[in-house]
Amino acid sequence: MRSRSPVDSRSTSSASTRAARTLVGQFPALEMPDAIVRELQEGLAAALAA
């Protein structure tokens, strides 16, 4: 049987990475630490997987 997840973890990861980079790009004055970017990516990945 196939997984019911609409996207695999790789595409979710790259989508969240793109979204996080887009978000960072919206605020060029903000220097976002990697930890915050990682948290954003994980939050977005979780939201996409929900």
N, C-alpha and C. Protein backbone atom coordinates (compact mmCIF):
# COMPACT_ATOMS: atom_id res chain seq x y z
N MET A 1 0.84 -1.21 0.00
CA MET A 1 0.00 0.00 0.00
C MET A 1 0.88 1.26 0.00
N ARG A 2 0.38 2.26 -0.66
CA ARG A 2 1.15 3.51 -0.72
C ARG A 2 0.82 4.37 0.48
N SER A 3 1.76 5.23 0.82
CA SER A 3 1.56 6.17 1.91
C SER A 3 0.46 7.14 1.53
N ARG A 4 -0.35 7.55 2.51
CA ARG A 4 -1.42 8.49 2.21
C ARG A 4 -0.94 9.94 2.23
N SER A 5 0.31 10.14 2.63
CA SER A 5 0.86 11.49 2.66
C SER A 5 0.92 12.05 1.24
N PRO A 6 0.40 13.27 1.02
CA PRO A 6 0.38 13.83 -0.33
C PRO A 6 1.76 14.21 -0.85
N VAL A 7 2.69 14.45 0.06
CA VAL A 7 4.05 14.80 -0.34
C VAL A 7 5.04 14.00 0.49
N ASP A 8 6.18 13.66 -0.12
CA ASP A 8 7.18 12.94 0.67
C ASP A 8 8.02 13.94 1.46
N SER A 9 8.82 13.43 2.37
CA SER A 9 9.56 14.32 3.27
C SER A 9 10.53 15.22 2.51
N ARG A 10 11.08 14.73 1.41
CA ARG A 10 12.03 15.57 0.66
C ARG A 10 11.33 16.78 0.07
N SER A 11 10.17 16.58 -0.55
CA SER A 11 9.49 17.73 -1.16
C SER A 11 8.97 18.67 -0.08
N THR A 12 8.52 18.13 1.05
CA THR A 12 8.07 18.99 2.15
C THR A 12 9.24 19.83 2.65
N SER A 13 10.39 19.18 2.80
CA SER A 13 11.58 19.89 3.29
C SER A 13 11.96 21.01 2.34
N SER A 14 11.98 20.72 1.03
CA SER A 14 12.40 21.74 0.09
C SER A 14 11.34 22.84 0.01
N ALA A 15 10.08 22.48 0.12
CA ALA A 15 9.02 23.49 0.11
C ALA A 15 9.14 24.40 1.33
N SER A 16 9.42 23.81 2.49
CA SER A 16 9.55 24.63 3.70
C SER A 16 10.80 25.49 3.63
N THR A 17 11.85 24.95 3.01
CA THR A 17 13.07 25.74 2.85
C THR A 17 12.80 26.94 1.95
N ARG A 18 12.10 26.69 0.84
CA ARG A 18 11.75 27.81 -0.07
C ARG A 18 10.88 28.82 0.65
N ALA A 19 9.90 28.34 1.40
CA ALA A 19 9.00 29.25 2.11
C ALA A 19 9.77 30.08 3.14
N ALA A 20 10.68 29.42 3.86
CA ALA A 20 11.47 30.15 4.86
C ALA A 20 12.37 31.18 4.19
N ARG A 21 12.97 30.81 3.06
CA ARG A 21 13.82 31.77 2.34
C ARG A 21 13.00 32.93 1.81
N THR A 22 11.79 32.63 1.33
CA THR A 22 10.90 33.68 0.85
C THR A 22 10.55 34.61 1.99
N LEU A 23 10.25 34.03 3.15
CA LEU A 23 9.92 34.82 4.34
C LEU A 23 11.09 35.71 4.73
N VAL A 24 12.30 35.14 4.74
CA VAL A 24 13.49 35.92 5.06
C VAL A 24 13.68 37.02 4.02
N GLY A 25 13.39 36.70 2.76
CA GLY A 25 13.54 37.68 1.68
C GLY A 25 12.59 38.86 1.82
N GLN A 26 11.45 38.63 2.50
CA GLN A 26 10.49 39.71 2.72
C GLN A 26 11.04 40.75 3.69
N PHE A 27 11.97 40.33 4.54
CA PHE A 27 12.51 41.21 5.57
C PHE A 27 14.03 41.24 5.47
N PRO A 28 14.56 41.90 4.44
CA PRO A 28 16.00 41.87 4.22
C PRO A 28 16.80 42.48 5.36
N ALA A 29 16.19 43.35 6.14
CA ALA A 29 16.90 43.99 7.25
C ALA A 29 17.12 43.01 8.41
N LEU A 30 16.33 41.94 8.44
CA LEU A 30 16.46 40.97 9.54
C LEU A 30 17.54 39.94 9.22
N GLU A 31 18.47 39.82 10.11
CA GLU A 31 19.45 38.74 9.99
C GLU A 31 18.93 37.61 10.88
N MET A 32 18.35 36.60 10.27
CA MET A 32 17.72 35.54 11.06
C MET A 32 18.73 34.44 11.37
N PRO A 33 18.90 34.14 12.66
CA PRO A 33 19.80 33.05 13.03
C PRO A 33 19.32 31.72 12.44
N ASP A 34 20.26 30.83 12.17
CA ASP A 34 19.92 29.53 11.60
C ASP A 34 18.90 28.78 12.44
N ALA A 35 19.00 28.92 13.77
CA ALA A 35 18.08 28.20 14.64
C ALA A 35 16.63 28.65 14.40
N ILE A 36 16.45 29.95 14.18
CA ILE A 36 15.09 30.46 13.93
C ILE A 36 14.60 29.99 12.57
N VAL A 37 15.47 30.05 11.57
CA VAL A 37 15.09 29.57 10.25
C VAL A 37 14.71 28.09 10.31
N ARG A 38 15.50 27.32 11.08
CA ARG A 38 15.22 25.89 11.21
C ARG A 38 13.87 25.67 11.88
N GLU A 39 13.57 26.46 12.91
CA GLU A 39 12.27 26.35 13.57
C GLU A 39 11.14 26.67 12.60
N LEU A 40 11.31 27.70 11.79
CA LEU A 40 10.31 28.05 10.78
C LEU A 40 10.11 26.89 9.81
N GLN A 41 11.21 26.31 9.35
CA GLN A 41 11.11 25.20 8.42
C GLN A 41 10.37 24.02 9.03
N GLU A 42 10.70 23.71 10.29
CA GLU A 42 10.05 22.57 10.95
C GLU A 42 8.56 22.87 11.15
N GLY A 43 8.23 24.10 11.53
CA GLY A 43 6.83 24.47 11.71
C GLY A 43 6.06 24.40 10.40
N LEU A 44 6.67 24.88 9.33
CA LEU A 44 6.02 24.83 8.02
C LEU A 44 5.86 23.39 7.56
N ALA A 45 6.88 22.58 7.77
CA ALA A 45 6.80 21.18 7.37
C ALA A 45 5.68 20.48 8.13
N ALA A 46 5.56 20.77 9.41
CA ALA A 46 4.50 20.17 10.22
C ALA A 46 3.13 20.64 9.73
N ALA A 47 3.02 21.92 9.39
CA ALA A 47 1.74 22.46 8.91
C ALA A 47 1.38 21.83 7.56
N LEU A 48 2.36 21.65 6.69
CA LEU A 48 2.10 21.05 5.39
C LEU A 48 1.73 19.58 5.53
N ALA A 49 2.29 18.91 6.50
CA ALA A 49 2.03 17.48 6.69
C ALA A 49 0.68 17.24 7.37
N ALA A 50 0.15 18.26 8.03
CA ALA A 50 -1.11 18.10 8.78
C ALA A 50 -2.28 17.83 7.84
